[in-house]
Amino acid sequence: MKKVKKVEIRVADLIRELNITQFAFANKTKLRPNAVSNLTRGYVDRISIEHLEKIATAFNIDDMNKLISIVEIEVPDDEKEDEKKA
């Protein structure tokens, strides 16, 4: 196992903290409900700056750590990557 850094979008945490529904979150941020659902479940490969700005503006967020965090996780070693180094 090796340790890698992973970026986590914290929309689900924010929704829980605000005690609102995903639908209310979507309405307030002007994001599509499907986009909010994907962000909440972590089903995103990337997030646009525009989305982050809409969320920050809608909820008066000044600290980006409320929206994004970097965590360390363990993943299996990649044998193919090791073979390239040899």
Protein backbone atom coordinates (compact mmCIF):
# COMPACT_ATOMS: atom_id res chain seq x y z
CA MET A 1 0.00 0.00 0.00
CA LYS A 2 1.10 3.53 -0.67
CA LYS A 3 -0.19 6.84 0.61
CA VAL A 4 -1.49 9.42 -1.85
CA LYS A 5 -3.18 12.80 -1.51
CA LYS A 6 -6.80 13.11 -2.59
CA VAL A 7 -8.87 16.27 -3.02
CA GLU A 8 -12.30 16.04 -1.42
CA ILE A 9 -15.18 18.31 -2.30
CA ARG A 10 -17.01 19.09 0.95
CA VAL A 11 -20.45 19.98 -0.40
CA ALA A 12 -22.14 17.16 1.57
CA ASP A 13 -20.59 18.48 4.79
CA LEU A 14 -21.73 22.01 3.98
CA ILE A 15 -25.30 20.88 3.23
CA ARG A 16 -25.42 19.00 6.55
CA GLU A 17 -23.95 21.97 8.42
CA LEU A 18 -26.52 24.32 6.90
CA ASN A 19 -29.30 21.80 7.53
CA ILE A 20 -30.79 22.23 4.06
CA THR A 21 -31.73 19.89 1.24
CA GLN A 22 -29.74 19.40 -1.94
CA PHE A 23 -32.63 21.02 -3.80
CA ALA A 24 -32.49 24.13 -1.59
CA PHE A 25 -28.71 24.21 -2.04
CA ALA A 26 -29.14 24.04 -5.83
CA ASN A 27 -31.71 26.84 -5.82
CA LYS A 28 -29.60 29.14 -3.68
CA THR A 29 -26.38 28.53 -5.66
CA LYS A 30 -28.10 28.45 -9.09
CA LEU A 31 -26.40 25.11 -9.81
CA ARG A 32 -28.26 22.28 -11.53
CA PRO A 33 -29.69 19.79 -9.01
CA ASN A 34 -27.86 16.98 -10.84
CA ALA A 35 -24.56 18.83 -10.41
CA VAL A 36 -25.23 19.29 -6.70
CA SER A 37 -26.10 15.60 -6.36
CA ASN A 38 -22.83 14.60 -8.05
CA LEU A 39 -20.82 17.00 -5.89
CA THR A 40 -22.51 15.68 -2.76
CA ARG A 41 -21.73 12.06 -3.62
CA GLY A 42 -18.19 12.84 -4.74
CA TYR A 43 -18.89 11.80 -8.34
CA VAL A 44 -16.72 14.49 -9.90
CA ASP A 45 -13.35 14.43 -11.59
CA ARG A 46 -13.16 18.21 -11.66
CA ILE A 47 -15.10 21.21 -10.45
CA SER A 48 -15.27 24.56 -12.15
CA ILE A 49 -14.11 27.76 -10.53
CA GLU A 50 -17.51 29.19 -11.44
CA HIS A 51 -19.27 26.54 -9.32
CA LEU A 52 -16.96 27.23 -6.36
CA GLU A 53 -17.62 30.97 -6.72
CA LYS A 54 -21.40 30.44 -6.85
CA ILE A 55 -21.29 28.32 -3.70
CA ALA A 56 -19.00 30.77 -1.87
CA THR A 57 -21.16 33.72 -2.86
CA ALA A 58 -24.48 32.07 -1.98
CA PHE A 59 -23.32 31.11 1.51
CA ASN A 60 -20.82 33.93 2.18
CA ILE A 61 -17.86 31.54 2.45
CA ASP A 62 -14.44 33.15 2.82
CA ASP A 63 -12.42 30.04 3.68
CA MET A 64 -11.91 27.58 0.81
CA ASN A 65 -11.30 24.82 3.37
CA LYS A 66 -15.07 24.76 3.90
CA LEU A 67 -15.44 23.62 0.27
CA ILE A 68 -12.31 21.60 -0.45
CA SER A 69 -9.93 19.57 1.65
CA ILE A 70 -6.88 17.44 0.92
CA VAL A 71 -6.76 14.07 2.64
CA GLU A 72 -4.25 11.26 2.63
CA ILE A 73 -5.48 7.80 1.68
CA GLU A 74 -3.86 4.42 1.18
CA VAL A 75 -4.11 2.72 -2.21
CA PRO A 76 -2.68 -0.53 -3.51
CA ASP A 77 0.75 -0.28 -5.09
CA ASP A 78 0.51 -0.06 -8.88
CA GLU A 79 2.59 -2.91 -10.32
CA LYS A 80 2.59 -1.36 -13.81
CA GLU A 81 4.06 1.87 -12.44
CA ASP A 82 6.77 -0.13 -10.65
CA GLU A 83 7.59 -1.99 -13.88
CA LYS A 84 8.13 1.32 -15.73
CA LYS A 85 10.75 2.35 -13.18
CA ALA A 86 12.72 -0.91 -13.57
